[in-house]
Amino acid sequence: MKTRREFIKKTSALTAFGLFADWASANPVNDKFGEVLPQRQLIRNGEKTTAFGMGGYHLGITLNPKEAEKMIERAMELGVRFYDNARGYHAGRSEEYMGKFLTPKYREDIFLMTKSPGSTAKEAQKHLDESLKALNTDYLDLWQMHALNRPEDVDNRLNAGVLDVFLEAREKGKTRYIGFTGHQNPKTHLHFLEILKARGLEMETVQMPMNVCDSSFESFQNKLLPVLLERGYGAIAMKTMAGGSMMGKRIDTTPAHIKTEDIPDMVGKEGIALSKLHQYVYGLPVSVLCSGCANLQELEDNVKTLRELKKLSETEMKDLEALAKPYAGMIVENYKRVF
């Protein structure tokens, strides 16, 4: 496994070629709605978007449309321009909220992404049509294959024609870019990348878990991220606080046999500041840090971390990893699998 120093040395050369952006824009960027958050490059053609992206899952938790509208309006005021979603989030409610409160006013000034968990070509096409309708748009900026779980899952979806639907959607302009996501193990992502390479095909983005625990267990940042940089893929970080389980919380992937009292509160026990958790992720060569916001205060805090971002030294990065290492694994990172 490469050491962090070797990894940084390798990726520093890639920085010079613009495969990912600097810590923040040298000069503030404004659009007609105000000052935009610092940006990083996402697409190999040079296209940038805000380094913080608002996750769509939490948006759909509320049953009160007014609360969703407040969240979207405040995100735009704060300069967020990357918006995440998925067809499976709350039976489409997350997409419908964005289709009602986001795209009618802001479509041409945002980067809009959603995802399909479809396992067949028919399902994927159905999801695309439903997503476009729910999001109230004629096109997506990014459409991703959602939650690939094992190499066999990749093979099954490809054999069922899912990739063909994605390629056709990009060709026909239904989406500008395509990518894929997965939580469980970097072997799945690497398997898919090798298939794409063998076929002479490229997607544009990959979304994966990255946080202070990740480097110590089935690590996406150590095993997958260097490959993405070599091939010019935009890296989208998710599970940046392990879905909240770093703070002792149960999440949607927490198995029933894990007792809530056995989930460690790293923030409370180790005293790791929440802002440091995201500073760590921003210290990696990621394009976008995508995080859900359960309320307006969490949104404000996430934006503040990026606005006031301080680059952690290599020593500080290693110290955080060392604090987190005892907690890495199947309790905190319970969405991962070993195979």
C-alpha atoms as a PDB file:
ATOM      1  CA  MET A   1       0.000   0.000   0.000  1.00  0.00           C
ATOM      2  CA  LYS A   2       1.281   3.453  -0.844  1.00  0.00           C
ATOM      3  CA  THR A   3       2.230   5.732   2.014  1.00  0.00           C
ATOM      4  CA  ARG A   4       0.517   9.111   2.261  1.00  0.00           C
ATOM      5  CA  ARG A   5       3.765  10.794   1.190  1.00  0.00           C
ATOM      6  CA  GLU A   6       3.959   8.645  -1.964  1.00  0.00           C
ATOM      7  CA  PHE A   7       0.288   9.330  -2.644  1.00  0.00           C
ATOM      8  CA  ILE A   8       0.726  13.092  -2.295  1.00  0.00           C
ATOM      9  CA  LYS A   9       3.853  13.033  -4.465  1.00  0.00           C
ATOM     10  CA  LYS A  10       1.975  11.161  -7.171  1.00  0.00           C
ATOM     11  CA  THR A  11      -1.070  13.406  -7.080  1.00  0.00           C
ATOM     12  CA  SER A  12       0.893  16.658  -6.930  1.00  0.00           C
ATOM     13  CA  ALA A  13       1.875  16.167 -10.553  1.00  0.00           C
ATOM     14  CA  LEU A  14      -1.761  15.641 -11.457  1.00  0.00           C
ATOM     15  CA  THR A  15      -2.659  18.919  -9.777  1.00  0.00           C
ATOM     16  CA  ALA A  16      -0.499  20.750 -12.281  1.00  0.00           C
ATOM     17  CA  PHE A  17      -2.647  19.331 -15.077  1.00  0.00           C
ATOM     18  CA  GLY A  18      -5.839  20.559 -13.435  1.00  0.00           C
ATOM     19  CA  LEU A  19      -7.338  17.202 -12.494  1.00  0.00           C
ATOM     20  CA  PHE A  20      -8.539  18.746  -9.264  1.00  0.00           C
ATOM     21  CA  ALA A  21      -8.746  22.331  -8.128  1.00  0.00           C
ATOM     22  CA  ASP A  22      -6.938  24.254  -5.432  1.00  0.00           C
ATOM     23  CA  TRP A  23      -8.282  24.653  -1.915  1.00  0.00           C
ATOM     24  CA  ALA A  24     -10.447  27.552  -2.886  1.00  0.00           C
ATOM     25  CA  SER A  25     -10.974  29.834  -5.805  1.00  0.00           C
ATOM     26  CA  ALA A  26      -8.211  32.448  -5.902  1.00  0.00           C
ATOM     27  CA  ASN A  27     -10.847  35.078  -6.488  1.00  0.00           C
ATOM     28  CA  PRO A  28     -14.480  34.852  -5.321  1.00  0.00           C
ATOM     29  CA  VAL A  29     -16.886  33.742  -8.018  1.00  0.00           C
ATOM     30  CA  ASN A  30     -20.278  35.391  -8.267  1.00  0.00           C
ATOM     31  CA  ASP A  31     -23.384  34.598 -10.235  1.00  0.00           C
ATOM     32  CA  LYS A  32     -26.645  36.511 -10.415  1.00  0.00           C
ATOM     33  CA  PHE A  33     -27.714  35.101  -7.045  1.00  0.00           C
ATOM     34  CA  GLY A  34     -24.612  36.105  -5.109  1.00  0.00           C
ATOM     35  CA  GLU A  35     -21.211  34.807  -4.117  1.00  0.00           C
ATOM     36  CA  VAL A  36     -20.643  31.158  -4.973  1.00  0.00           C
ATOM     37  CA  LEU A  37     -18.828  28.788  -2.628  1.00  0.00           C
ATOM     38  CA  PRO A  38     -15.221  27.883  -3.492  1.00  0.00           C
ATOM     39  CA  GLN A  39     -15.084  25.543  -6.472  1.00  0.00           C
ATOM     40  CA  ARG A  40     -13.067  22.533  -7.532  1.00  0.00           C
ATOM     41  CA  GLN A  41     -12.811  20.766 -10.849  1.00  0.00           C
ATOM     42  CA  LEU A  42     -15.246  17.891 -11.225  1.00  0.00           C
ATOM     43  CA  ILE A  43     -15.133  16.960 -14.919  1.00  0.00           C
ATOM     44  CA  ARG A  44     -11.965  16.158 -16.886  1.00  0.00           C
ATOM     45  CA  ASN A  45     -12.936  18.793 -19.455  1.00  0.00           C
ATOM     46  CA  GLY A  46     -12.252  21.430 -16.800  1.00  0.00           C
ATOM     47  CA  GLU A  47     -15.779  22.076 -15.585  1.00  0.00           C
ATOM     48  CA  LYS A  48     -15.957  23.085 -11.934  1.00  0.00           C
ATOM     49  CA  THR A  49     -18.660  23.125  -9.310  1.00  0.00           C
ATOM     50  CA  THR A  50     -18.867  24.066  -5.656  1.00  0.00           C
ATOM     51  CA  ALA A  51     -16.672  21.929  -3.428  1.00  0.00           C
ATOM     52  CA  PHE A  52     -19.605  21.403  -1.067  1.00  0.00           C
ATOM     53  CA  GLY A  53     -22.721  19.698  -2.385  1.00  0.00           C
ATOM     54  CA  MET A  54     -26.023  19.418  -0.539  1.00  0.00           C
ATOM     55  CA  GLY A  55     -27.193  15.840  -0.185  1.00  0.00           C
ATOM     56  CA  GLY A  56     -30.720  15.071  -1.279  1.00  0.00           C
ATOM     57  CA  TYR A  57     -31.534  12.249   1.123  1.00  0.00           C
ATOM     58  CA  HIS A  58     -32.014  14.452   4.184  1.00  0.00           C
ATOM     59  CA  LEU A  59     -34.059  16.961   2.202  1.00  0.00           C
ATOM     60  CA  GLY A  60     -36.779  14.375   1.695  1.00  0.00           C
ATOM     61  CA  ILE A  61     -36.991  13.294   5.324  1.00  0.00           C
ATOM     62  CA  THR A  62     -39.315  16.161   6.173  1.00  0.00           C
ATOM     63  CA  LEU A  63     -42.953  15.821   5.217  1.00  0.00           C
ATOM     64  CA  ASN A  64     -43.309  19.600   5.338  1.00  0.00           C
ATOM     65  CA  PRO A  65     -42.642  21.126   1.893  1.00  0.00           C
ATOM     66  CA  LYS A  66     -42.067  24.554   3.455  1.00  0.00           C
ATOM     67  CA  GLU A  67     -39.106  23.202   5.420  1.00  0.00           C
ATOM     68  CA  ALA A  68     -37.628  21.755   2.241  1.00  0.00           C
ATOM     69  CA  GLU A  69     -38.117  25.084   0.479  1.00  0.00           C
ATOM     70  CA  LYS A  70     -36.336  26.940   3.300  1.00  0.00           C
ATOM     71  CA  MET A  71     -33.401  24.542   3.084  1.00  0.00           C
ATOM     72  CA  ILE A  72     -33.074  24.991  -0.682  1.00  0.00           C
ATOM     73  CA  GLU A  73     -33.401  28.778  -0.549  1.00  0.00           C
ATOM     74  CA  ARG A  74     -30.844  29.050   2.226  1.00  0.00           C
ATOM     75  CA  ALA A  75     -28.421  26.764   0.372  1.00  0.00           C
ATOM     76  CA  MET A  76     -28.634  29.014  -2.678  1.00  0.00           C
ATOM     77  CA  GLU A  77     -28.131  32.121  -0.523  1.00  0.00           C
ATOM     78  CA  LEU A  78     -25.029  30.520   1.002  1.00  0.00           C
ATOM     79  CA  GLY A  79     -23.540  29.805  -2.421  1.00  0.00           C
ATOM     80  CA  VAL A  80     -24.181  26.060  -2.785  1.00  0.00           C
ATOM     81  CA  ARG A  81     -24.484  25.135  -6.450  1.00  0.00           C
ATOM     82  CA  PHE A  82     -24.075  21.314  -6.418  1.00  0.00           C
ATOM     83  CA  TYR A  83     -27.239  19.367  -5.585  1.00  0.00           C
ATOM     84  CA  ASP A  84     -27.339  15.614  -5.049  1.00  0.00           C
ATOM     85  CA  ASN A  85     -30.373  13.361  -5.315  1.00  0.00           C
ATOM     86  CA  ALA A  86     -31.502   9.815  -6.148  1.00  0.00           C
ATOM     87  CA  ARG A  87     -34.641   8.201  -7.498  1.00  0.00           C
ATOM     88  CA  GLY A  88     -34.891   5.997  -4.419  1.00  0.00           C
ATOM     89  CA  TYR A  89     -34.802   8.771  -1.829  1.00  0.00           C
ATOM     90  CA  HIS A  90     -38.096   8.671   0.070  1.00  0.00           C
ATOM     91  CA  ALA A  91     -40.094   7.252  -2.848  1.00  0.00           C
ATOM     92  CA  GLY A  92     -39.141  10.216  -5.030  1.00  0.00           C
ATOM     93  CA  ARG A  93     -40.040  12.946  -2.525  1.00  0.00           C
ATOM     94  CA  SER A  94     -36.500  14.373  -2.449  1.00  0.00           C
ATOM     95  CA  GLU A  95     -36.529  14.804  -6.232  1.00  0.00           C
ATOM     96  CA  GLU A  96     -40.027  16.284  -6.145  1.00  0.00           C
ATOM     97  CA  TYR A  97     -38.957  18.921  -3.616  1.00  0.00           C
ATOM     98  CA  MET A  98     -36.088  19.980  -5.851  1.00  0.00           C
ATOM     99  CA  GLY A  99     -38.379  19.933  -8.855  1.00  0.00           C
ATOM    100  CA  LYS A 100     -40.775  22.276  -7.079  1.00  0.00           C
ATOM    101  CA  PHE A 101     -38.417  24.629  -5.237  1.00  0.00           C
ATOM    102  CA  LEU A 102     -35.006  24.446  -6.939  1.00  0.00           C
ATOM    103  CA  THR A 103     -35.138  23.962 -10.695  1.00  0.00           C
ATOM    104  CA  PRO A 104     -37.916  26.419 -11.604  1.00  0.00           C
ATOM    105  CA  LYS A 105     -35.808  29.341 -10.315  1.00  0.00           C
ATOM    106  CA  TYR A 106     -32.220  28.135 -10.474  1.00  0.00           C
ATOM    107  CA  ARG A 107     -31.832  25.381 -13.081  1.00  0.00           C
ATOM    108  CA  GLU A 108     -29.253  27.075 -15.294  1.00  0.00           C
ATOM    109  CA  ASP A 109     -27.104  28.135 -12.340  1.00  0.00           C
ATOM    110  CA  ILE A 110     -26.752  24.811 -10.522  1.00  0.00           C
ATOM    111  CA  PHE A 111     -25.127  21.436 -11.069  1.00  0.00           C
ATOM    112  CA  LEU A 112     -27.896  18.839 -10.669  1.00  0.00           C
ATOM    113  CA  MET A 113     -27.163  15.182 -10.046  1.00  0.00           C
ATOM    114  CA  THR A 114     -29.390  12.195  -9.413  1.00  0.00           C
ATOM    115  CA  LYS A 115     -28.944   8.432  -9.400  1.00  0.00           C
ATOM    116  CA  SER A 116     -30.652   5.218 -10.488  1.00  0.00           C
ATOM    117  CA  PRO A 117     -30.460   1.891  -8.631  1.00  0.00           C
ATOM    118  CA  GLY A 118     -31.927   0.117 -11.643  1.00  0.00           C
ATOM    119  CA  SER A 119     -30.726  -3.456 -12.150  1.00  0.00           C
ATOM    120  CA  THR A 120     -32.068  -3.776 -15.708  1.00  0.00           C
ATOM    121  CA  ALA A 121     -32.170  -1.523 -18.745  1.00  0.00           C
ATOM    122  CA  LYS A 122     -35.938  -1.197 -18.383  1.00  0.00           C
ATOM    123  CA  GLU A 123     -35.670  -0.106 -14.763  1.00  0.00           C
ATOM    124  CA  ALA A 124     -32.880   2.369 -15.478  1.00  0.00           C
ATOM    125  CA  GLN A 125     -34.825   3.980 -18.328  1.00  0.00           C
ATOM    126  CA  LYS A 126     -37.927   4.167 -16.140  1.00  0.00           C
ATOM    127  CA  HIS A 127     -35.923   5.838 -13.377  1.00  0.00           C
ATOM    128  CA  LEU A 128     -34.460   8.369 -15.806  1.00  0.00           C
ATOM    129  CA  ASP A 129     -37.884   9.322 -17.107  1.00  0.00           C
ATOM    130  CA  GLU A 130     -39.285   9.581 -13.573  1.00  0.00           C
ATOM    131  CA  SER A 131     -36.331  11.608 -12.318  1.00  0.00           C
ATOM    132  CA  LEU A 132     -36.552  14.141 -15.141  1.00  0.00           C
ATOM    133  CA  LYS A 133     -40.269  14.574 -14.468  1.00  0.00           C
ATOM    134  CA  ALA A 134     -39.887  14.828 -10.692  1.00  0.00           C
ATOM    135  CA  LEU A 135     -36.951  17.235 -10.949  1.00  0.00           C
ATOM    136  CA  ASN A 136     -38.855  19.333 -13.470  1.00  0.00           C
ATOM    137  CA  THR A 137     -36.023  19.463 -15.992  1.00  0.00           C
ATOM    138  CA  ASP A 138     -35.226  18.308 -19.503  1.00  0.00           C
ATOM    139  CA  TYR A 139     -31.719  17.198 -18.641  1.00  0.00           C
ATOM    140  CA  LEU A 140     -29.419  16.247 -15.781  1.00  0.00           C
ATOM    141  CA  ASP A 141     -25.907  17.491 -15.284  1.00  0.00           C
ATOM    142  CA  LEU A 142     -24.881  14.132 -13.839  1.00  0.00           C
ATOM    143  CA  TRP A 143     -26.648  10.767 -13.700  1.00  0.00           C
ATOM    144  CA  GLN A 144     -25.026   7.971 -11.707  1.00  0.00           C
ATOM    145  CA  MET A 145     -25.515   4.233 -11.344  1.00  0.00           C
ATOM    146  CA  HIS A 146     -26.489   3.980  -7.692  1.00  0.00           C
ATOM    147  CA  ALA A 147     -25.049   1.785  -4.940  1.00  0.00           C
ATOM    148  CA  LEU A 148     -23.090  -0.872  -6.796  1.00  0.00           C
ATOM    149  CA  ASN A 149     -22.446  -3.407  -4.046  1.00  0.00           C
ATOM    150  CA  ARG A 150     -20.259  -6.208  -5.387  1.00  0.00           C
ATOM    151  CA  PRO A 151     -18.323  -7.029  -8.576  1.00  0.00           C
ATOM    152  CA  GLU A 152     -21.097  -9.492  -9.421  1.00  0.00           C
ATOM    153  CA  ASP A 153     -23.621  -6.655  -9.174  1.00  0.00           C
ATOM    154  CA  VAL A 154     -21.589  -4.708 -11.739  1.00  0.00           C
ATOM    155  CA  ASP A 155     -21.551  -7.714 -14.079  1.00  0.00           C
ATOM    156  CA  ASN A 156     -25.274  -8.340 -13.668  1.00  0.00           C
ATOM    157  CA  ARG A 157     -26.251  -4.735 -14.371  1.00  0.00           C
ATOM    158  CA  LEU A 158     -24.002  -4.553 -17.409  1.00  0.00           C
ATOM    159  CA  ASN A 159     -25.326  -7.857 -18.751  1.00  0.00           C
ATOM    160  CA  ALA A 160     -28.858  -6.500 -18.255  1.00  0.00           C
ATOM    161  CA  GLY A 161     -28.087  -3.443 -20.399  1.00  0.00           C
ATOM    162  CA  VAL A 162     -27.943  -0.772 -17.691  1.00  0.00           C
ATOM    163  CA  LEU A 163     -24.704   0.761 -18.952  1.00  0.00           C
ATOM    164  CA  ASP A 164     -26.166   1.010 -22.449  1.00  0.00           C
ATOM    165  CA  VAL A 165     -29.026   3.123 -21.097  1.00  0.00           C
ATOM    166  CA  PHE A 166     -26.564   5.464 -19.386  1.00  0.00           C
ATOM    167  CA  LEU A 167     -24.420   5.821 -22.481  1.00  0.00           C
ATOM    168  CA  GLU A 168     -27.477   6.507 -24.636  1.00  0.00           C
ATOM    169  CA  ALA A 169     -28.776   9.089 -22.150  1.00  0.00           C
ATOM    170  CA  ARG A 170     -25.467  10.946 -22.368  1.00  0.00           C
ATOM    171  CA  GLU A 171     -25.396  10.698 -26.156  1.00  0.00           C
ATOM    172  CA  LYS A 172     -28.938  12.056 -26.460  1.00  0.00           C
ATOM    173  CA  GLY A 173     -28.366  14.898 -24.026  1.00  0.00           C
ATOM    174  CA  LYS A 174     -30.675  13.619 -21.297  1.00  0.00           C
ATOM    175  CA  THR A 175     -27.651  13.905 -19.041  1.00  0.00           C
ATOM    176  CA  ARG A 176     -24.428  15.777 -19.638  1.00  0.00           C
ATOM    177  CA  TYR A 177     -22.271  13.362 -17.651  1.00  0.00           C
ATOM    178  CA  ILE A 178     -22.489   9.874 -16.156  1.00  0.00           C
ATOM    179  CA  GLY A 179     -20.876   8.113 -13.220  1.00  0.00           C
ATOM    180  CA  PHE A 180     -21.403   5.487 -10.535  1.00  0.00           C
ATOM    181  CA  THR A 181     -21.522   5.114  -6.767  1.00  0.00           C
ATOM    182  CA  GLY A 182     -20.969   2.459  -4.131  1.00  0.00           C
ATOM    183  CA  HIS A 183     -20.527   2.162  -0.376  1.00  0.00           C
ATOM    184  CA  GLN A 184     -19.291  -1.313   0.339  1.00  0.00           C
ATOM    185  CA  ASN A 185     -15.815  -2.037  -0.996  1.00  0.00           C
ATOM    186  CA  PRO A 186     -13.374  -0.365  -3.419  1.00  0.00           C
ATOM    187  CA  LYS A 187     -12.917  -3.701  -5.211  1.00  0.00           C
ATOM    188  CA  THR A 188     -16.335  -3.176  -6.794  1.00  0.00           C
ATOM    189  CA  HIS A 189     -15.391   0.235  -8.166  1.00  0.00           C
ATOM    190  CA  LEU A 190     -12.027  -0.988  -9.438  1.00  0.00           C
ATOM    191  CA  HIS A 191     -13.721  -3.930 -11.166  1.00  0.00           C
ATOM    192  CA  PHE A 192     -16.066  -1.581 -13.011  1.00  0.00           C
ATOM    193  CA  LEU A 193     -13.244   0.768 -13.976  1.00  0.00           C
ATOM    194  CA  GLU A 194     -11.299  -2.118 -15.521  1.00  0.00           C
ATOM    195  CA  ILE A 195     -14.331  -3.188 -17.536  1.00  0.00           C
ATOM    196  CA  LEU A 196     -14.798   0.357 -18.816  1.00  0.00           C
ATOM    197  CA  LYS A 197     -11.122   0.597 -19.720  1.00  0.00           C
ATOM    198  CA  ALA A 198     -11.195  -2.728 -21.565  1.00  0.00           C
ATOM    199  CA  ARG A 199     -14.181  -1.510 -23.594  1.00  0.00           C
ATOM    200  CA  GLY A 200     -12.566   1.831 -24.351  1.00  0.00           C
ATOM    201  CA  LEU A 201     -15.269   3.689 -22.416  1.00  0.00           C
ATOM    202  CA  GLU A 202     -15.158   6.427 -19.821  1.00  0.00           C
ATOM    203  CA  MET A 203     -17.590   7.817 -17.314  1.00  0.00           C
ATOM    204  CA  GLU A 204     -16.927  11.152 -15.649  1.00  0.00           C
ATOM    205  CA  THR A 205     -17.411  10.683 -11.896  1.00  0.00           C
ATOM    206  CA  VAL A 206     -17.268   8.199  -9.042  1.00  0.00           C
ATOM    207  CA  GLN A 207     -18.927   8.683  -5.639  1.00  0.00           C
ATOM    208  CA  MET A 208     -17.605   6.827  -2.581  1.00  0.00           C
ATOM    209  CA  PRO A 209     -17.192   6.999   1.217  1.00  0.00           C
ATOM    210  CA  MET A 210     -14.255   9.081   2.447  1.00  0.00           C
ATOM    211  CA  ASN A 211     -13.666  10.078   6.036  1.00  0.00           C
ATOM    212  CA  VAL A 212     -11.084   9.865   8.832  1.00  0.00           C
ATOM    213  CA  CYS A 213     -11.850   6.174   9.423  1.00  0.00           C
ATOM    214  CA  ASP A 214     -11.657   5.104   5.783  1.00  0.00           C
ATOM    215  CA  SER A 215      -7.876   4.967   5.495  1.00  0.00           C
ATOM    216  CA  SER A 216      -7.723   2.185   8.098  1.00  0.00           C
ATOM    217  CA  PHE A 217     -10.328  -0.248   6.729  1.00  0.00           C
ATOM    218  CA  GLU A 218     -11.140  -1.331   3.145  1.00  0.00           C
ATOM    219  CA  SER A 219      -9.935   2.100   2.128  1.00  0.00           C
ATOM    220  CA  PHE A 220     -11.441   3.904  -0.828  1.00  0.00           C
ATOM    221  CA  GLN A 221      -8.993   6.788  -0.552  1.00  0.00           C
ATOM    222  CA  ASN A 222      -5.938   4.506  -0.576  1.00  0.00           C
ATOM    223  CA  LYS A 223      -7.051   1.893  -3.100  1.00  0.00           C
ATOM    224  CA  LEU A 224      -9.391   3.748  -5.444  1.00  0.00           C
ATOM    225  CA  LEU A 225      -8.684   7.465  -5.350  1.00  0.00           C
ATOM    226  CA  PRO A 226      -5.215   7.259  -7.001  1.00  0.00           C
ATOM    227  CA  VAL A 227      -6.731   5.311  -9.899  1.00  0.00           C
ATOM    228  CA  LEU A 228      -9.453   7.914 -10.351  1.00  0.00           C
ATOM    229  CA  LEU A 229      -6.882  10.679 -10.472  1.00  0.00           C
ATOM    230  CA  GLU A 230      -4.796   8.830 -13.048  1.00  0.00           C
ATOM    231  CA  ARG A 231      -7.839   8.449 -15.297  1.00  0.00           C
ATOM    232  CA  GLY A 232      -9.264  11.920 -14.793  1.00  0.00           C
ATOM    233  CA  TYR A 233     -12.430  10.978 -12.910  1.00  0.00           C
ATOM    234  CA  GLY A 234     -14.070  13.458 -10.580  1.00  0.00           C
ATOM    235  CA  ALA A 235     -14.179  12.082  -7.030  1.00  0.00           C
ATOM    236  CA  ILE A 236     -17.330  12.801  -5.015  1.00  0.00           C
ATOM    237  CA  ALA A 237     -16.975  12.131  -1.287  1.00  0.00           C
ATOM    238  CA  MET A 238     -19.924  10.814   0.717  1.00  0.00           C
ATOM    239  CA  LYS A 239     -20.308   9.279   4.195  1.00  0.00           C
ATOM    240  CA  THR A 240     -17.890  11.969   5.308  1.00  0.00           C
ATOM    241  CA  MET A 241     -19.032  11.461   8.903  1.00  0.00           C
ATOM    242  CA  ALA A 242     -19.891   7.796   8.301  1.00  0.00           C
ATOM    243  CA  GLY A 243     -23.515   8.790   7.922  1.00  0.00           C
ATOM    244  CA  GLY A 244     -23.531  10.093  11.485  1.00  0.00           C
ATOM    245  CA  SER A 245     -22.341   6.893  13.133  1.00  0.00           C
ATOM    246  CA  MET A 246     -19.110   8.651  14.111  1.00  0.00           C
ATOM    247  CA  MET A 247     -21.295  10.476  16.625  1.00  0.00           C
ATOM    248  CA  GLY A 248     -22.807   7.305  18.040  1.00  0.00           C
ATOM    249  CA  LYS A 249     -25.906   7.381  15.845  1.00  0.00           C
ATOM    250  CA  ARG A 250     -27.656   4.519  14.101  1.00  0.00           C
ATOM    251  CA  ILE A 251     -27.897   4.948  10.330  1.00  0.00           C
ATOM    252  CA  ASP A 252     -29.887   3.174   7.647  1.00  0.00           C
ATOM    253  CA  THR A 253     -27.199   0.504   7.152  1.00  0.00           C
ATOM    254  CA  THR A 254     -26.625  -0.264  10.861  1.00  0.00           C
ATOM    255  CA  PRO A 255     -27.312  -4.001  11.371  1.00  0.00           C
ATOM    256  CA  ALA A 256     -29.828  -4.976  14.043  1.00  0.00           C
ATOM    257  CA  HIS A 257     -27.210  -6.927  16.000  1.00  0.00           C
ATOM    258  CA  ILE A 258     -25.194  -3.765  16.689  1.00  0.00           C
ATOM    259  CA  LYS A 259     -26.417  -2.141  19.884  1.00  0.00           C
ATOM    260  CA  THR A 260     -26.773   1.618  19.819  1.00  0.00           C
ATOM    261  CA  GLU A 261     -24.707   1.922  23.000  1.00  0.00           C
ATOM    262  CA  ASP A 262     -21.861   0.078  21.248  1.00  0.00           C
ATOM    263  CA  ILE A 263     -21.553   2.695  18.495  1.00  0.00           C
ATOM    264  CA  PRO A 264     -18.710   4.967  19.626  1.00  0.00           C
ATOM    265  CA  ASP A 265     -19.115   8.733  19.768  1.00  0.00           C
ATOM    266  CA  MET A 266     -15.768   9.808  18.338  1.00  0.00           C
ATOM    267  CA  VAL A 267     -16.658  13.469  18.547  1.00  0.00           C
ATOM    268  CA  GLY A 268     -17.610  13.183  22.210  1.00  0.00           C
ATOM    269  CA  LYS A 269     -15.022  10.650  23.388  1.00  0.00           C
ATOM    270  CA  GLU A 270     -12.032  11.837  21.378  1.00  0.00           C
ATOM    271  CA  GLY A 271     -13.125  15.449  21.214  1.00  0.00           C
ATOM    272  CA  ILE A 272     -12.715  15.663  17.441  1.00  0.00           C
ATOM    273  CA  ALA A 273     -14.346  18.868  16.241  1.00  0.00           C
ATOM    274  CA  LEU A 274     -16.995  18.321  13.593  1.00  0.00           C
ATOM    275  CA  SER A 275     -15.316  20.889  11.366  1.00  0.00           C
ATOM    276  CA  LYS A 276     -12.073  18.876  11.508  1.00  0.00           C
ATOM    277  CA  LEU A 277     -13.867  15.858  10.045  1.00  0.00           C
ATOM    278  CA  HIS A 278     -14.691  17.806   6.910  1.00  0.00           C
ATOM    279  CA  GLN A 279     -11.369  19.630   6.857  1.00  0.00           C
ATOM    280  CA  TYR A 280      -9.789  16.190   6.641  1.00  0.00           C
ATOM    281  CA  VAL A 281     -11.880  15.215   3.608  1.00  0.00           C
ATOM    282  CA  TYR A 282     -11.195  18.532   1.892  1.00  0.00           C
ATOM    283  CA  GLY A 283      -7.523  17.753   2.427  1.00  0.00           C
ATOM    284  CA  LEU A 284      -7.876  14.862  -0.016  1.00  0.00           C
ATOM    285  CA  PRO A 285      -7.978  15.395  -3.794  1.00  0.00           C
ATOM    286  CA  VAL A 286     -11.765  15.234  -3.976  1.00  0.00           C
ATOM    287  CA  SER A 287     -13.895  17.338  -6.279  1.00  0.00           C
ATOM    288  CA  VAL A 288     -17.047  17.578  -4.158  1.00  0.00           C
ATOM    289  CA  LEU A 289     -17.835  16.797  -0.536  1.00  0.00           C
ATOM    290  CA  CYS A 290     -21.485  15.769  -0.547  1.00  0.00           C
ATOM    291  CA  SER A 291     -23.196  15.867   2.829  1.00  0.00           C
ATOM    292  CA  GLY A 292     -26.762  15.686   4.031  1.00  0.00           C
ATOM    293  CA  CYS A 293     -28.153  18.462   6.225  1.00  0.00           C
ATOM    294  CA  ALA A 294     -30.896  17.573   8.675  1.00  0.00           C
ATOM    295  CA  ASN A 295     -31.588  21.215   9.519  1.00  0.00           C
ATOM    296  CA  LEU A 296     -30.541  24.756   8.633  1.00  0.00           C
ATOM    297  CA  GLN A 297     -27.876  24.848  11.336  1.00  0.00           C
ATOM    298  CA  GLU A 298     -26.099  21.827   9.859  1.00  0.00           C
ATOM    299  CA  LEU A 299     -26.188  23.513   6.457  1.00  0.00           C
ATOM    300  CA  GLU A 300     -24.737  26.697   7.933  1.00  0.00           C
ATOM    301  CA  ASP A 301     -21.994  24.725   9.706  1.00  0.00           C
ATOM    302  CA  ASN A 302     -21.049  22.812   6.556  1.00  0.00           C
ATOM    303  CA  VAL A 303     -20.791  26.001   4.528  1.00  0.00           C
ATOM    304  CA  LYS A 304     -18.792  27.744   7.252  1.00  0.00           C
ATOM    305  CA  THR A 305     -16.217  24.945   7.243  1.00  0.00           C
ATOM    306  CA  LEU A 306     -15.609  25.460   3.529  1.00  0.00           C
ATOM    307  CA  ARG A 307     -15.721  29.249   3.673  1.00  0.00           C
ATOM    308  CA  GLU A 308     -13.133  29.278   6.478  1.00  0.00           C
ATOM    309  CA  LEU A 309     -11.232  26.229   5.292  1.00  0.00           C
ATOM    310  CA  LYS A 310      -7.792  25.744   6.788  1.00  0.00           C
ATOM    311  CA  LYS A 311      -5.497  23.287   5.109  1.00  0.00           C
ATOM    312  CA  LEU A 312      -4.414  20.588   7.528  1.00  0.00           C
ATOM    313  CA  SER A 313      -0.754  19.635   7.550  1.00  0.00           C
ATOM    314  CA  GLU A 314       0.331  16.097   6.779  1.00  0.00           C
ATOM    315  CA  THR A 315       0.976  15.616  10.501  1.00  0.00           C
ATOM    316  CA  GLU A 316      -2.512  16.841  11.393  1.00  0.00           C
ATOM    317  CA  MET A 317      -4.041  14.497   8.818  1.00  0.00           C
ATOM    318  CA  LYS A 318      -2.116  11.554  10.247  1.00  0.00           C
ATOM    319  CA  ASP A 319      -3.041  12.496  13.806  1.00  0.00           C
ATOM    320  CA  LEU A 320      -6.730  12.456  12.914  1.00  0.00           C
ATOM    321  CA  GLU A 321      -6.342   9.077  11.231  1.00  0.00           C
ATOM    322  CA  ALA A 322      -4.620   7.736  14.337  1.00  0.00           C
ATOM    323  CA  LEU A 323      -7.447   8.949  16.583  1.00  0.00           C
ATOM    324  CA  ALA A 324     -10.014   7.368  14.283  1.00  0.00           C
ATOM    325  CA  LYS A 325      -8.216   4.069  13.630  1.00  0.00           C
ATOM    326  CA  PRO A 326      -9.597   2.217  16.692  1.00  0.00           C
ATOM    327  CA  TYR A 327     -13.116   2.960  15.445  1.00  0.00           C
ATOM    328  CA  ALA A 328     -12.603   2.002  11.813  1.00  0.00           C
ATOM    329  CA  GLY A 329     -14.475  -1.069  10.691  1.00  0.00           C
ATOM    330  CA  MET A 330     -17.866  -2.669  10.735  1.00  0.00           C
ATOM    331  CA  ILE A 331     -19.467  -0.796  13.639  1.00  0.00           C
ATOM    332  CA  VAL A 332     -18.884   2.805  12.559  1.00  0.00           C
ATOM    333  CA  GLU A 333     -18.422   2.021   8.840  1.00  0.00           C
ATOM    334  CA  ASN A 334     -21.185  -0.566   8.872  1.00  0.00           C
ATOM    335  CA  TYR A 335     -22.048   0.100   5.214  1.00  0.00           C
ATOM    336  CA  LYS A 336     -18.752  -1.525   4.175  1.00  0.00           C
ATOM    337  CA  ARG A 337     -18.269  -5.214   3.419  1.00  0.00           C
ATOM    338  CA  VAL A 338     -15.202  -7.449   3.311  1.00  0.00           C
ATOM    339  CA  PHE A 339     -14.855  -9.707   0.272  1.00  0.00           C
END
